[in-house]
Amino acid sequence: MKSEILFGLGVVVIVLVAIGAYYYGASISKTMEYITETTTITTTITETVVETTTIPSELSPVEIEAIRYMAEEEKLAYDVYTKLAEMYPDVPVFANIAKSEATHVSAVLSLAEKYGIDITLGEPGVFTNEHIQELYNQLIDKGSQSLKDALEVGATIEEVDIIDLKDWISKVDHDDIKQVFECLMMGSRNHLRAFTSTLKNIYGIEYTPQYLSEEEYQQIINTPMETGGACRDLGIDVGANITAPQGPVNRPW
């Protein structure tokens, strides 16, 4: 009788152990499934964040500043040359380069429109940027003194443009902004060639660079006009066809 009772107890113990093992195993299995699923989700989120942060979707503050600044700087060139063209109508270099500068302003404004940057340019001779406003006033004052001074003003503007554009190009990341700025800089090099050759042909004066290094200046003026085929596709006139007078002009000043 005792052996039968012991046998029965043994069976119960075995059954209980089996049941416990089953539920314990099931619990471990579910826990592992949860950990695996959680790990998978975490990995997916991490990968998505990395992909999102490595693809630039909008302009940086520096790029926005570059577009705003160059819109007014190109307008400065256009406004100054338009004013000087009125003062010295017998020297077409001012009017011709003003036409080229008009396309430069439009190109920068097209970038602003593309990226939703609100830019409202002022009336002729009016600028939001205080530095550019002061520069405009100084250039008009100097340019109104004589044709020689006016041509030097033109060369100075193009020097400043080249330096500023090089600086902005080194700071922006978007290829379309770089491409437009490269075209503007090509135009500035051509305009610099036109102003300095006009100064030399009329007055026999070699222009002395005010901002560019002598080496960079000489490298520019001793190379031919750049045509900029890709720039034409963007609607940018780089001034490749602007020529200087070949001798003295009729000047009442």
Protein backbone atom coordinates (compact mmCIF):
# COMPACT_ATOMS: atom_id res chain seq x y z
CA MET A 1 0.00 0.00 0.00
CA LYS A 2 2.82 2.37 0.93
CA SER A 3 4.65 1.66 -2.32
CA GLU A 4 1.54 2.46 -4.30
CA ILE A 5 1.19 5.79 -2.53
CA LEU A 6 4.85 6.64 -3.19
CA PHE A 7 4.47 5.64 -6.78
CA GLY A 8 1.43 7.90 -7.11
CA LEU A 9 3.26 10.82 -5.54
CA GLY A 10 6.17 10.30 -7.92
CA VAL A 11 3.87 10.47 -10.90
CA VAL A 12 2.34 13.71 -9.63
CA VAL A 13 5.79 15.27 -9.15
CA ILE A 14 6.86 14.27 -12.65
CA VAL A 15 3.68 15.73 -14.13
CA LEU A 16 4.12 18.99 -12.23
CA VAL A 17 7.74 19.32 -13.31
CA ALA A 18 6.78 18.67 -16.94
CA ILE A 19 4.03 21.30 -16.82
CA GLY A 20 6.37 23.83 -15.22
CA ALA A 21 9.04 23.19 -17.80
CA TYR A 22 6.54 23.67 -20.59
CA TYR A 23 5.34 27.06 -19.34
CA TYR A 24 8.86 28.18 -18.49
CA GLY A 25 10.01 27.27 -21.97
CA ALA A 26 7.06 29.05 -23.53
CA SER A 27 7.80 32.15 -21.46
CA ILE A 28 11.44 32.20 -22.58
CA SER A 29 10.36 31.73 -26.17
CA LYS A 30 7.95 34.69 -26.03
CA THR A 31 10.52 36.85 -24.30
CA MET A 32 13.11 36.11 -26.97
CA GLU A 33 10.61 36.86 -29.70
CA TYR A 34 9.89 40.25 -28.11
CA ILE A 35 13.59 41.06 -27.76
CA THR A 36 14.21 40.05 -31.37
CA GLU A 37 11.32 42.17 -32.63
CA THR A 38 12.40 45.13 -30.53
CA THR A 39 15.95 44.87 -31.78
CA THR A 40 14.75 44.78 -35.38
CA ILE A 41 12.57 47.87 -34.91
CA THR A 42 15.37 49.78 -33.20
CA THR A 43 17.81 48.95 -35.98
CA THR A 44 15.33 50.05 -38.64
CA ILE A 45 14.70 53.40 -36.94
CA THR A 46 18.40 54.02 -36.52
CA GLU A 47 19.10 53.36 -40.18
CA THR A 48 16.24 55.66 -41.24
CA VAL A 49 17.50 58.52 -39.10
CA VAL A 50 21.00 58.21 -40.53
CA GLU A 51 19.71 58.25 -44.10
CA THR A 52 17.53 61.30 -43.42
CA THR A 53 20.24 63.33 -41.76
CA THR A 54 22.82 62.68 -44.47
CA ILE A 55 20.65 63.94 -47.33
CA PRO A 56 20.37 67.79 -47.28
CA SER A 57 16.75 68.75 -47.85
CA GLU A 58 16.99 72.53 -47.42
CA LEU A 59 19.48 75.36 -47.47
CA SER A 60 21.82 76.10 -44.62
CA PRO A 61 21.71 79.57 -43.00
CA VAL A 62 24.99 80.37 -44.79
CA GLU A 63 23.50 79.46 -48.18
CA ILE A 64 20.47 81.65 -47.51
CA GLU A 65 22.77 84.50 -46.51
CA ALA A 66 24.87 83.96 -49.66
CA ILE A 67 21.83 84.26 -51.93
CA ARG A 68 20.53 87.34 -50.14
CA TYR A 69 23.91 89.07 -50.18
CA MET A 70 24.73 88.31 -53.81
CA ALA A 71 21.30 89.50 -54.96
CA GLU A 72 22.11 92.96 -53.59
CA GLU A 73 25.75 92.92 -54.68
CA GLU A 74 24.80 92.10 -58.26
CA LYS A 75 22.13 94.81 -58.08
CA LEU A 76 24.82 97.23 -56.91
CA ALA A 77 26.83 96.51 -60.04
CA TYR A 78 23.76 96.93 -62.25
CA ASP A 79 22.70 100.19 -60.56
CA VAL A 80 26.19 101.72 -60.67
CA TYR A 81 26.77 100.85 -64.33
CA THR A 82 23.33 102.10 -65.32
CA LYS A 83 24.07 105.41 -63.62
CA LEU A 84 27.52 105.67 -65.17
CA ALA A 85 26.09 104.84 -68.60
CA GLU A 86 23.89 107.94 -68.26
CA MET A 87 26.91 110.05 -67.29
CA TYR A 88 29.15 108.76 -70.09
CA PRO A 89 26.88 107.76 -73.01
CA ASP A 90 29.76 107.79 -75.53
CA VAL A 91 31.47 104.89 -73.75
CA PRO A 92 29.24 101.83 -74.31
CA VAL A 93 31.12 99.57 -71.88
CA PHE A 94 28.91 100.71 -68.97
CA ALA A 95 25.60 100.10 -70.74
CA ASN A 96 26.79 96.78 -72.18
CA ILE A 97 27.98 95.45 -68.84
CA ALA A 98 24.80 96.71 -67.15
CA LYS A 99 22.83 94.44 -69.51
CA SER A 100 25.01 91.53 -68.47
CA GLU A 101 24.56 92.38 -64.79
CA ALA A 102 20.77 92.36 -65.22
CA THR A 103 20.96 88.64 -66.03
CA HIS A 104 23.16 88.11 -62.96
CA VAL A 105 20.54 89.65 -60.69
CA SER A 106 17.85 87.52 -62.32
CA ALA A 107 19.90 84.34 -61.83
CA VAL A 108 20.29 84.96 -58.10
CA LEU A 109 16.60 85.83 -57.74
CA SER A 110 15.75 82.56 -59.53
CA LEU A 111 17.69 80.69 -56.84
CA ALA A 112 15.77 82.60 -54.17
CA GLU A 113 12.47 81.71 -55.80
CA LYS A 114 13.47 78.05 -56.13
CA TYR A 115 14.19 77.75 -52.42
CA GLY A 116 11.41 80.01 -51.16
CA ILE A 117 13.66 82.86 -49.98
CA ASP A 118 11.77 86.15 -49.84
CA ILE A 119 13.91 88.89 -51.41
CA THR A 120 12.56 92.31 -52.30
CA LEU A 121 15.12 94.52 -54.00
CA GLY A 122 14.87 98.26 -53.51
CA GLU A 123 14.63 101.07 -56.01
CA PRO A 124 17.77 101.97 -58.00
CA GLY A 125 20.51 102.97 -55.56
CA VAL A 126 18.62 101.66 -52.51
CA PHE A 127 19.87 98.62 -50.58
CA THR A 128 18.93 96.74 -47.42
CA ASN A 129 22.51 95.81 -46.56
CA GLU A 130 24.17 98.85 -44.97
CA HIS A 131 27.64 97.92 -46.21
CA ILE A 132 26.44 97.64 -49.81
CA GLN A 133 24.51 100.91 -49.48
CA GLU A 134 27.63 102.71 -48.25
CA LEU A 135 29.73 101.15 -51.02
CA TYR A 136 27.22 102.24 -53.67
CA ASN A 137 27.31 105.83 -52.43
CA GLN A 138 31.12 105.89 -52.48
CA LEU A 139 31.34 104.38 -55.96
CA ILE A 140 28.83 106.81 -57.48
CA ASP A 141 30.63 109.73 -55.86
CA LYS A 142 33.98 108.62 -57.31
CA GLY A 143 32.58 107.60 -60.71
CA SER A 144 30.91 110.97 -61.24
CA GLN A 145 34.26 112.79 -61.07
CA SER A 146 35.62 111.65 -64.46
CA LEU A 147 35.52 108.84 -67.01
CA LYS A 148 38.87 107.61 -65.74
CA ASP A 149 37.45 107.34 -62.23
CA ALA A 150 34.30 105.69 -63.55
CA LEU A 151 36.29 102.97 -65.33
CA GLU A 152 38.32 102.39 -62.17
CA VAL A 153 35.04 102.09 -60.26
CA GLY A 154 33.92 99.40 -62.68
CA ALA A 155 37.15 97.45 -62.23
CA THR A 156 36.90 97.79 -58.45
CA ILE A 157 33.35 96.42 -58.40
CA GLU A 158 34.42 93.38 -60.40
CA GLU A 159 37.38 92.74 -58.10
CA VAL A 160 35.07 92.78 -55.08
CA ASP A 161 32.60 90.50 -56.86
CA ILE A 162 35.29 87.93 -57.64
CA ILE A 163 36.56 87.87 -54.06
CA ASP A 164 33.06 87.65 -52.54
CA LEU A 165 31.92 84.94 -54.95
CA LYS A 166 35.01 82.83 -54.29
CA ASP A 167 34.32 83.12 -50.56
CA TRP A 168 30.66 82.13 -50.87
CA ILE A 169 31.43 79.23 -53.21
CA SER A 170 33.74 77.79 -50.57
CA LYS A 171 30.91 77.91 -48.01
CA VAL A 172 27.86 76.58 -49.91
CA ASP A 173 27.03 72.92 -50.52
CA HIS A 174 24.27 72.87 -53.13
CA ASP A 175 25.63 72.32 -56.64
CA ASP A 176 23.08 74.59 -58.30
CA ILE A 177 24.14 77.52 -56.13
CA LYS A 178 27.80 76.82 -56.86
CA GLN A 179 27.09 76.66 -60.59
CA VAL A 180 25.29 80.01 -60.66
CA PHE A 181 28.00 81.66 -58.56
CA GLU A 182 30.72 80.22 -60.80
CA CYS A 183 28.96 81.78 -63.81
CA LEU A 184 28.68 85.13 -62.03
CA MET A 185 32.38 84.99 -61.24
CA MET A 186 33.18 84.21 -64.88
CA GLY A 187 31.17 87.28 -65.84
CA SER A 188 33.10 89.37 -63.31
CA ARG A 189 36.40 88.26 -64.82
CA ASN A 190 35.20 89.23 -68.29
CA HIS A 191 33.90 92.57 -67.02
CA LEU A 192 37.22 93.24 -65.30
CA ARG A 193 39.01 92.57 -68.60
CA ALA A 194 36.65 94.97 -70.40
CA PHE A 195 37.01 97.82 -67.91
CA THR A 196 40.80 97.59 -67.61
CA SER A 197 41.34 97.33 -71.37
CA THR A 198 39.04 100.33 -71.92
CA LEU A 199 41.03 102.28 -69.34
CA LYS A 200 44.27 101.35 -71.10
CA ASN A 201 43.01 102.05 -74.61
CA ILE A 202 41.59 105.49 -73.78
CA TYR A 203 44.11 106.76 -71.24
CA GLY A 204 47.09 104.47 -71.65
CA ILE A 205 46.78 103.58 -67.97
CA GLU A 206 47.50 100.18 -66.48
CA TYR A 207 44.96 99.49 -63.77
CA THR A 208 46.36 98.64 -60.34
CA PRO A 209 44.30 95.99 -58.50
CA GLN A 210 42.84 97.15 -55.21
CA TYR A 211 41.71 93.82 -53.76
CA LEU A 212 42.98 90.94 -55.88
CA SER A 213 46.58 89.84 -55.59
CA GLU A 214 48.79 91.03 -58.42
CA GLU A 215 49.32 87.42 -59.47
CA GLU A 216 45.61 86.62 -59.71
CA TYR A 217 44.87 89.92 -61.45
CA GLN A 218 47.55 89.36 -64.09
CA GLN A 219 46.35 85.80 -64.64
CA ILE A 220 42.84 87.12 -65.34
CA ILE A 221 43.64 89.99 -67.68
CA ASN A 222 46.21 88.01 -69.64
CA THR A 223 43.74 85.28 -70.59
CA PRO A 224 41.01 85.56 -73.27
CA MET A 225 37.36 86.29 -72.64
CA GLU A 226 35.50 83.24 -71.31
CA THR A 227 32.44 82.11 -73.27
CA GLY A 228 30.55 80.17 -70.60
CA GLY A 229 28.33 77.93 -72.71
CA ALA A 230 26.73 76.27 -69.68
CA CYS A 231 26.05 79.72 -68.23
CA ARG A 232 24.04 80.70 -71.30
CA ASP A 233 21.83 77.69 -70.67
CA LEU A 234 21.05 79.24 -67.27
CA GLY A 235 20.21 82.57 -68.89
CA ILE A 236 23.39 84.20 -67.57
CA ASP A 237 25.28 86.60 -69.85
CA VAL A 238 28.96 86.46 -68.88
CA GLY A 239 29.87 89.42 -71.09
CA ALA A 240 32.03 87.46 -73.49
CA ASN A 241 31.25 89.80 -76.41
CA ILE A 242 31.95 93.09 -74.63
CA THR A 243 34.82 94.91 -76.35
CA ALA A 244 36.77 98.00 -75.37
CA PRO A 245 37.16 101.09 -77.59
CA GLN A 246 40.31 100.87 -79.65
CA GLY A 247 41.23 104.55 -79.34
CA PRO A 248 40.26 107.91 -77.81
CA VAL A 249 36.53 108.62 -77.68
CA ASN A 250 34.68 111.90 -78.11
CA ARG A 251 34.36 112.99 -74.50
CA PRO A 252 33.10 116.46 -73.43
CA TRP A 253 34.23 115.90 -69.87
